[in-house]
N, C-alpha and C. Protein backbone atom coordinates (compact mmCIF):
# COMPACT_ATOMS: atom_id res chain seq x y z
N MET A 1 -130.25 17.20 161.68
CA MET A 1 -129.42 17.81 160.88
C MET A 1 -129.25 16.72 159.38
N PRO A 2 -129.50 17.45 158.11
CA PRO A 2 -129.38 16.23 157.33
C PRO A 2 -128.06 16.15 156.62
N VAL A 3 -127.09 16.04 157.77
CA VAL A 3 -125.54 15.71 157.10
C VAL A 3 -125.70 14.16 157.21
N ARG A 4 -125.07 13.43 156.48
CA ARG A 4 -124.95 12.21 156.50
C ARG A 4 -123.63 11.86 155.79
N SER A 5 -123.11 10.79 156.34
CA SER A 5 -121.91 10.03 155.19
C SER A 5 -122.13 9.96 153.75
N CYS A 6 -121.16 10.17 152.92
CA CYS A 6 -121.22 10.16 151.55
C CYS A 6 -121.49 8.68 151.21
N GLU A 7 -122.14 8.38 150.03
CA GLU A 7 -122.31 7.15 149.76
C GLU A 7 -121.94 7.20 148.00
N GLU A 8 -121.79 6.14 147.58
CA GLU A 8 -121.17 5.78 146.17
C GLU A 8 -122.34 6.63 145.35
N LYS A 9 -123.46 6.58 145.66
CA LYS A 9 -124.58 7.11 144.66
C LYS A 9 -124.54 8.54 144.81
N ASP A 10 -123.90 9.00 145.88
CA ASP A 10 -123.89 10.53 145.82
C ASP A 10 -122.93 11.33 144.83
N LEU A 11 -122.14 10.50 144.36
CA LEU A 11 -121.02 10.95 143.17
C LEU A 11 -121.20 11.63 142.57
N PRO A 12 -122.56 11.49 141.75
CA PRO A 12 -122.82 12.32 140.33
C PRO A 12 -123.08 14.00 140.95
N ALA A 13 -123.77 14.18 142.27
CA ALA A 13 -124.01 15.31 142.77
C ALA A 13 -122.34 15.89 143.22
N VAL A 14 -121.74 14.87 143.76
CA VAL A 14 -120.43 15.60 144.21
C VAL A 14 -119.63 16.40 143.15
N VAL A 15 -119.50 15.37 141.90
CA VAL A 15 -118.96 15.88 140.89
C VAL A 15 -119.38 17.50 140.28
N GLU A 16 -120.66 17.66 140.45
CA GLU A 16 -121.24 18.90 140.35
C GLU A 16 -120.81 19.88 141.19
N LEU A 17 -120.57 19.65 142.45
CA LEU A 17 -120.44 20.33 143.67
C LEU A 17 -118.85 20.48 143.27
N ILE A 18 -117.93 19.61 143.43
CA ILE A 18 -116.40 19.84 142.92
C ILE A 18 -116.31 20.55 142.07
N THR A 19 -116.84 20.62 140.99
CA THR A 19 -116.85 21.11 139.77
C THR A 19 -117.00 22.81 140.29
N GLN A 20 -117.91 23.28 141.03
CA GLN A 20 -118.39 24.66 141.47
C GLN A 20 -117.09 24.84 142.55
N LEU A 21 -116.42 24.12 143.12
CA LEU A 21 -115.40 24.70 143.85
C LEU A 21 -114.40 25.10 143.16
N ALA A 22 -114.27 24.26 141.88
CA ALA A 22 -113.38 24.48 140.81
C ALA A 22 -113.05 25.48 140.33
N GLU A 23 -114.30 26.63 140.19
CA GLU A 23 -114.41 27.52 139.55
C GLU A 23 -114.16 28.71 140.13
N VAL A 24 -113.76 28.61 141.56
CA VAL A 24 -113.30 29.95 142.33
C VAL A 24 -111.31 29.21 142.75
N ALA A 25 -111.35 28.09 142.50
CA ALA A 25 -109.99 27.82 142.98
C ALA A 25 -109.02 28.04 141.22
N THR A 26 -107.73 28.23 142.04
CA THR A 26 -106.86 28.16 140.97
C THR A 26 -106.87 27.30 140.13
N GLY A 27 -106.84 27.33 138.61
CA GLY A 27 -106.11 25.92 137.85
C GLY A 27 -107.54 25.20 137.91
N GLY A 28 -108.82 25.33 137.74
CA GLY A 28 -109.59 24.65 137.77
C GLY A 28 -109.39 23.35 136.70
N LYS A 29 -110.00 22.26 137.08
CA LYS A 29 -109.96 21.12 136.64
C LYS A 29 -111.06 20.28 136.19
N ASP A 30 -110.92 19.37 134.96
CA ASP A 30 -112.14 18.81 134.81
C ASP A 30 -112.48 17.33 135.79
N PHE A 31 -113.53 17.20 136.10
CA PHE A 31 -113.90 16.05 136.88
C PHE A 31 -114.99 15.07 136.43
N GLU A 32 -114.25 13.76 136.22
CA GLU A 32 -115.17 12.89 135.46
C GLU A 32 -115.46 11.76 136.51
N LEU A 33 -116.96 11.22 136.69
CA LEU A 33 -117.51 10.58 137.33
C LEU A 33 -116.47 9.22 137.71
N SER A 34 -116.14 8.61 136.70
CA SER A 34 -115.38 7.52 136.80
C SER A 34 -114.17 7.82 137.76
N LYS A 35 -113.18 8.72 137.63
CA LYS A 35 -112.24 9.27 138.50
C LYS A 35 -112.55 9.55 139.73
N LEU A 36 -113.54 10.11 140.00
CA LEU A 36 -114.23 10.31 141.37
C LEU A 36 -114.52 9.38 142.01
N ARG A 37 -114.98 8.39 141.09
CA ARG A 37 -115.63 6.92 141.61
C ARG A 37 -114.34 6.01 142.11
N ASP A 38 -113.28 6.35 141.47
CA ASP A 38 -111.87 5.63 141.85
C ASP A 38 -111.45 6.37 143.00
N ILE A 39 -111.51 7.52 143.09
CA ILE A 39 -110.78 8.03 144.54
C ILE A 39 -111.92 7.50 145.76
N TYR A 40 -113.04 7.98 145.56
CA TYR A 40 -114.12 7.36 146.77
C TYR A 40 -113.79 6.00 147.04
N VAL A 41 -113.62 5.27 146.08
CA VAL A 41 -113.28 3.91 146.66
C VAL A 41 -111.97 3.56 147.33
N LYS A 42 -110.87 4.30 147.01
CA LYS A 42 -109.69 4.55 147.69
C LYS A 42 -109.86 5.15 149.22
N MET A 43 -110.60 6.08 148.96
CA MET A 43 -110.72 6.88 150.70
C MET A 43 -111.85 6.07 151.55
N ALA A 44 -112.85 5.46 150.87
CA ALA A 44 -113.61 3.93 151.90
C ALA A 44 -112.93 2.93 152.13
N ALA A 45 -111.74 2.82 151.74
CA ALA A 45 -110.95 1.70 152.19
C ALA A 45 -110.18 2.16 153.14
N GLN A 46 -110.06 3.41 153.68
CA GLN A 46 -109.32 3.66 154.66
C GLN A 46 -110.09 4.97 155.59
N PRO A 47 -110.94 4.15 156.14
CA PRO A 47 -111.84 5.07 156.89
C PRO A 47 -111.23 5.65 158.13
N ASP A 48 -109.99 5.29 158.61
CA ASP A 48 -109.21 6.10 160.04
C ASP A 48 -108.51 7.36 159.32
N THR A 49 -108.44 7.07 157.79
CA THR A 49 -107.96 8.34 156.97
C THR A 49 -108.63 9.51 156.58
N TYR A 50 -109.87 8.97 156.29
CA TYR A 50 -110.66 9.89 155.33
C TYR A 50 -111.98 9.69 155.74
N ALA A 51 -112.89 11.09 155.90
CA ALA A 51 -114.49 11.28 155.95
C ALA A 51 -114.90 12.03 154.95
N ASN A 52 -115.92 11.77 154.60
CA ASN A 52 -116.64 12.33 153.70
C ASN A 52 -118.08 12.42 153.99
N TYR A 53 -118.82 13.78 153.85
CA TYR A 53 -120.16 13.70 154.00
C TYR A 53 -120.84 15.00 153.18
N VAL A 54 -122.17 14.44 153.24
CA VAL A 54 -122.93 15.20 152.19
C VAL A 54 -123.99 15.77 152.94
N TYR A 55 -124.73 17.37 152.40
CA TYR A 55 -125.63 17.50 153.18
C TYR A 55 -126.97 17.49 152.03
N GLU A 56 -128.05 16.61 152.39
CA GLU A 56 -129.14 16.55 151.55
C GLU A 56 -130.19 17.00 152.18
N LEU A 57 -131.06 17.67 150.84
CA LEU A 57 -132.28 18.65 151.18
C LEU A 57 -133.37 18.25 150.03
N ASP A 58 -134.36 18.07 150.62
CA ASP A 58 -135.51 17.23 149.89
C ASP A 58 -134.88 16.38 148.74
N GLY A 59 -134.18 15.80 149.23
CA GLY A 59 -133.59 14.72 148.47
C GLY A 59 -132.59 14.64 147.08
N LYS A 60 -131.81 15.75 147.67
CA LYS A 60 -130.94 16.45 146.44
C LYS A 60 -129.59 16.79 147.44
N VAL A 61 -128.67 16.41 147.19
CA VAL A 61 -127.10 16.69 147.56
C VAL A 61 -126.96 18.08 147.35
N VAL A 62 -126.58 19.08 148.13
CA VAL A 62 -126.26 20.25 148.11
C VAL A 62 -125.32 20.87 148.69
N GLY A 63 -124.65 19.80 149.33
CA GLY A 63 -123.29 20.24 150.11
C GLY A 63 -122.75 19.27 150.27
N PHE A 64 -121.29 19.39 150.02
CA PHE A 64 -119.91 18.26 150.59
C PHE A 64 -118.75 18.79 151.32
N ILE A 65 -118.59 18.00 152.14
CA ILE A 65 -117.25 18.17 152.84
C ILE A 65 -116.32 16.77 152.60
N SER A 66 -115.00 16.83 152.67
CA SER A 66 -114.02 16.11 152.79
C SER A 66 -112.86 16.28 153.96
N ILE A 67 -112.97 15.22 154.92
CA ILE A 67 -111.61 15.68 155.18
C ILE A 67 -110.77 14.27 155.59
N VAL A 68 -109.78 14.85 155.98
CA VAL A 68 -108.51 13.97 155.92
C VAL A 68 -107.81 13.91 157.52
N PHE A 69 -107.42 12.88 157.92
CA PHE A 69 -106.98 12.72 159.52
C PHE A 69 -105.63 12.02 159.44
N TYR A 70 -104.62 12.83 159.84
CA TYR A 70 -103.55 12.09 160.33
C TYR A 70 -102.88 12.57 161.50
N VAL A 71 -101.52 12.02 161.72
CA VAL A 71 -100.53 12.23 162.92
C VAL A 71 -99.51 12.75 162.37
N THR A 72 -98.66 13.71 163.08
CA THR A 72 -97.36 14.08 162.76
C THR A 72 -96.51 13.94 163.86
N PHE A 73 -95.21 14.23 163.79
CA PHE A 73 -94.51 14.07 164.98
C PHE A 73 -94.53 15.19 165.86
N PHE A 74 -95.04 16.24 165.23
CA PHE A 74 -95.52 17.64 165.85
C PHE A 74 -96.58 17.51 166.72
N HIS A 75 -97.56 16.94 165.85
CA HIS A 75 -99.12 16.92 166.37
C HIS A 75 -99.26 15.23 166.53
N ARG A 76 -98.97 14.93 167.63
CA ARG A 76 -98.69 13.48 168.00
C ARG A 76 -99.94 12.77 168.08
N VAL A 77 -100.85 13.46 168.39
CA VAL A 77 -102.51 13.26 168.95
C VAL A 77 -103.33 13.31 167.37
N GLY A 78 -102.87 13.66 166.64
CA GLY A 78 -103.34 13.87 165.10
C GLY A 78 -104.19 15.04 164.72
N THR A 79 -104.22 15.44 163.70
CA THR A 79 -104.90 16.65 163.31
C THR A 79 -106.15 16.05 161.94
N ALA A 80 -107.03 17.08 161.90
CA ALA A 80 -108.31 16.74 161.12
C ALA A 80 -108.01 18.08 160.13
N GLN A 81 -108.03 17.96 158.88
CA GLN A 81 -108.05 18.60 157.92
C GLN A 81 -109.15 18.82 156.90
N VAL A 82 -109.76 19.87 156.67
CA VAL A 82 -111.07 19.96 155.77
C VAL A 82 -110.23 19.91 154.58
N ASN A 83 -110.32 19.22 153.56
CA ASN A 83 -109.95 19.56 152.16
C ASN A 83 -110.85 20.33 151.22
N GLU A 84 -111.77 19.71 151.37
CA GLU A 84 -112.85 20.26 150.39
C GLU A 84 -114.00 20.73 151.32
N LEU A 85 -114.89 21.97 150.92
CA LEU A 85 -116.01 22.26 151.20
C LEU A 85 -116.62 22.81 150.42
N VAL A 86 -117.96 22.32 150.10
CA VAL A 86 -118.52 23.20 148.96
C VAL A 86 -120.23 22.74 149.00
N VAL A 87 -120.75 23.98 148.81
CA VAL A 87 -122.26 24.35 149.22
C VAL A 87 -122.57 24.70 147.45
N ASN A 88 -123.59 23.93 147.16
CA ASN A 88 -124.52 24.55 145.85
C ASN A 88 -124.51 25.65 145.82
N ASP A 89 -124.21 26.54 144.62
CA ASP A 89 -124.19 28.23 144.61
C ASP A 89 -125.64 28.35 145.05
N GLY A 90 -126.74 27.81 144.64
CA GLY A 90 -128.06 27.93 144.75
C GLY A 90 -128.40 28.00 146.40
N TYR A 91 -127.59 27.54 146.76
CA TYR A 91 -128.28 27.08 148.45
C TYR A 91 -127.32 27.68 149.51
N ARG A 92 -126.10 28.58 149.07
CA ARG A 92 -125.24 29.46 150.03
C ARG A 92 -126.04 30.22 150.92
N GLY A 93 -125.41 30.43 152.11
CA GLY A 93 -125.74 31.49 153.02
C GLY A 93 -127.24 30.96 153.83
N LYS A 94 -127.31 29.63 153.80
CA LYS A 94 -128.59 29.10 154.55
C LYS A 94 -128.09 27.99 155.61
N GLY A 95 -126.68 28.11 155.90
CA GLY A 95 -126.14 27.65 157.41
C GLY A 95 -125.59 26.01 156.73
N ILE A 96 -125.92 25.44 155.52
CA ILE A 96 -125.57 24.52 155.12
C ILE A 96 -123.99 24.08 155.31
N GLY A 97 -123.13 25.20 155.01
CA GLY A 97 -121.67 25.04 155.32
C GLY A 97 -121.29 25.05 156.61
N HIS A 98 -122.28 25.70 157.46
CA HIS A 98 -121.94 25.69 158.88
C HIS A 98 -121.85 24.26 159.65
N ASP A 99 -123.59 23.37 159.24
CA ASP A 99 -123.88 22.44 159.43
C ASP A 99 -122.55 21.28 158.94
N LEU A 100 -122.17 21.37 157.61
CA LEU A 100 -121.08 20.69 157.26
C LEU A 100 -119.76 20.47 158.13
N MET A 101 -119.61 21.90 158.74
CA MET A 101 -118.43 22.05 159.44
C MET A 101 -118.40 21.42 160.69
N LYS A 102 -119.47 21.66 161.25
CA LYS A 102 -120.16 21.21 162.43
C LYS A 102 -120.04 19.44 162.38
N ALA A 103 -120.11 18.87 161.52
CA ALA A 103 -119.87 17.36 161.26
C ALA A 103 -118.38 17.25 161.41
N ALA A 104 -117.68 17.60 160.66
CA ALA A 104 -116.34 17.73 160.46
C ALA A 104 -115.82 17.76 161.87
N GLU A 105 -116.01 18.87 162.63
CA GLU A 105 -115.58 19.20 164.16
C GLU A 105 -115.98 18.14 165.01
N GLU A 106 -117.39 17.87 164.73
CA GLU A 106 -117.59 16.81 165.76
C GLU A 106 -117.10 15.41 165.51
N GLU A 107 -116.73 15.05 164.19
CA GLU A 107 -115.67 13.90 163.72
C GLU A 107 -114.51 14.10 164.36
N ALA A 108 -114.06 15.08 164.41
CA ALA A 108 -112.39 15.23 164.68
C ALA A 108 -112.74 15.05 166.38
N LYS A 109 -113.49 15.90 166.97
CA LYS A 109 -113.39 15.51 168.47
C LYS A 109 -113.87 13.79 168.80
N ARG A 110 -114.50 13.35 167.92
CA ARG A 110 -114.91 11.69 168.09
C ARG A 110 -113.47 11.03 168.20
N ARG A 111 -112.64 11.52 167.23
CA ARG A 111 -111.47 10.62 167.24
C ARG A 111 -110.59 11.29 168.19
N LYS A 112 -110.84 12.50 168.56
CA LYS A 112 -109.62 12.82 169.49
C LYS A 112 -108.54 13.49 168.96
N VAL A 113 -108.60 13.93 167.68
CA VAL A 113 -107.47 14.73 167.30
C VAL A 113 -107.24 16.15 168.12
N ASP A 114 -105.98 16.67 167.88
CA ASP A 114 -106.00 17.70 168.75
C ASP A 114 -105.90 19.27 168.02
N GLU A 115 -106.29 19.15 166.58
CA GLU A 115 -106.85 20.11 165.88
C GLU A 115 -107.61 20.34 164.69
N LEU A 116 -108.31 21.04 164.38
CA LEU A 116 -109.20 21.01 162.94
C LEU A 116 -108.44 22.14 162.45
N GLU A 117 -108.00 21.90 161.05
CA GLU A 117 -107.36 23.00 160.10
C GLU A 117 -108.08 22.90 158.62
N VAL A 118 -107.98 24.03 157.76
CA VAL A 118 -108.59 24.49 156.80
C VAL A 118 -107.88 25.31 156.05
N GLY A 119 -107.69 25.07 154.87
CA GLY A 119 -106.95 26.08 153.93
C GLY A 119 -107.73 26.42 152.87
N THR A 120 -107.77 27.61 152.15
CA THR A 120 -108.35 28.11 151.04
C THR A 120 -107.79 28.93 149.92
N GLU A 121 -108.02 29.13 148.63
CA GLU A 121 -107.26 29.93 147.89
C GLU A 121 -107.04 31.49 148.57
N LYS A 122 -105.74 32.13 148.45
CA LYS A 122 -105.39 33.11 149.24
C LYS A 122 -106.46 34.45 148.73
N ASP A 123 -107.22 34.18 147.58
CA ASP A 123 -107.82 35.07 146.76
C ASP A 123 -109.49 34.87 147.44
N ASN A 124 -109.53 33.60 147.74
CA ASN A 124 -110.99 33.43 148.09
C ASN A 124 -111.46 34.07 149.36
N LEU A 125 -111.97 35.29 149.50
CA LEU A 125 -112.19 36.15 150.20
C LEU A 125 -113.28 35.58 151.01
N PRO A 126 -114.63 35.29 150.10
CA PRO A 126 -115.76 34.68 150.87
C PRO A 126 -115.61 33.64 151.66
N ALA A 127 -114.87 32.34 151.25
CA ALA A 127 -114.62 31.50 152.21
C ALA A 127 -113.52 31.71 153.26
N GLN A 128 -112.83 32.73 153.48
CA GLN A 128 -112.03 33.00 154.64
C GLN A 128 -112.79 33.76 155.55
N LYS A 129 -113.77 34.51 155.01
CA LYS A 129 -114.82 35.13 155.87
C LYS A 129 -115.55 34.11 156.64
N PHE A 130 -115.99 33.08 155.66
CA PHE A 130 -116.98 31.88 156.39
C PHE A 130 -115.90 31.07 157.57
N TYR A 131 -114.80 31.02 157.48
CA TYR A 131 -114.00 30.09 158.01
C TYR A 131 -113.66 31.14 159.36
N ARG A 132 -113.41 32.40 159.18
CA ARG A 132 -113.21 33.20 160.42
C ARG A 132 -114.53 32.98 161.19
N LYS A 133 -115.88 33.32 160.59
CA LYS A 133 -116.79 33.38 161.40
C LYS A 133 -116.94 31.95 162.11
N TYR A 134 -116.46 31.01 161.39
CA TYR A 134 -116.94 29.74 162.18
C TYR A 134 -115.99 29.68 163.44
N GLY A 135 -114.85 30.25 163.55
CA GLY A 135 -114.17 30.14 164.49
C GLY A 135 -112.31 29.87 164.25
N PHE A 136 -112.09 29.81 163.10
CA PHE A 136 -110.82 29.39 162.78
C PHE A 136 -109.98 30.60 162.74
N ASP A 137 -108.93 30.61 163.25
CA ASP A 137 -107.81 31.68 163.29
C ASP A 137 -106.64 31.19 162.20
N GLU A 138 -105.86 32.36 161.80
CA GLU A 138 -104.90 32.43 160.53
C GLU A 138 -103.87 31.70 161.85
N GLU A 139 -103.27 30.72 161.58
CA GLU A 139 -102.27 30.37 162.69
C GLU A 139 -100.81 30.17 162.08
N TYR A 140 -100.82 29.83 160.72
CA TYR A 140 -99.73 29.66 159.88
C TYR A 140 -100.16 29.94 158.20
N VAL A 141 -99.25 29.82 157.43
CA VAL A 141 -99.24 29.87 156.14
C VAL A 141 -99.17 28.76 155.33
N LEU A 142 -100.05 28.27 154.39
CA LEU A 142 -99.73 27.05 153.98
C LEU A 142 -99.54 27.54 152.30
N PHE A 143 -97.98 26.76 152.18
CA PHE A 143 -97.65 26.87 150.70
C PHE A 143 -98.03 25.73 150.01
N GLY A 144 -98.23 25.85 148.38
CA GLY A 144 -98.70 24.79 147.88
C GLY A 144 -97.83 24.70 146.35
N MET A 145 -97.55 23.50 146.18
CA MET A 145 -96.90 23.49 144.76
C MET A 145 -97.73 22.17 143.79
N GLU A 146 -98.37 22.91 142.73
CA GLU A 146 -99.07 22.00 141.87
C GLU A 146 -98.11 21.27 140.82
N PHE A 147 -98.32 19.92 140.78
CA PHE A 147 -97.76 19.15 139.58
C PHE A 147 -98.85 19.09 138.46
N ASP A 148 -98.39 18.74 137.22
CA ASP A 148 -99.11 18.46 136.28
C ASP A 148 -99.81 16.88 136.31
């Protein structure tokens, strides 16, 4: 499987992918390589909390997934949450998203957490269809509050 851990050299491609993700998200943002590099460094320093993977095809990064791992009083064993999943729009429908989700699922199981969660914009119907097809159920409603 051409899924591997994200490396700093992948960040220019990740910027492009995150920009595509923002196009379907409410309130798209500008993404600068230097800012993503700072975030990458912070995440890389906390490997117990973050995992990032890319899908590389013929030397080109065409998919990205970011997972955060955390514990709560209710989920004492731990939860893995997919924060971002994006496949380059020219490569969608080829199983790349599935392979990236499989990597997240395997990492969650390796870390022995008790659930894997994902959220998406309520009007992003293609993503919801993808997650249902992958096996996710709608367990609860996730509310968000954006700050400037």
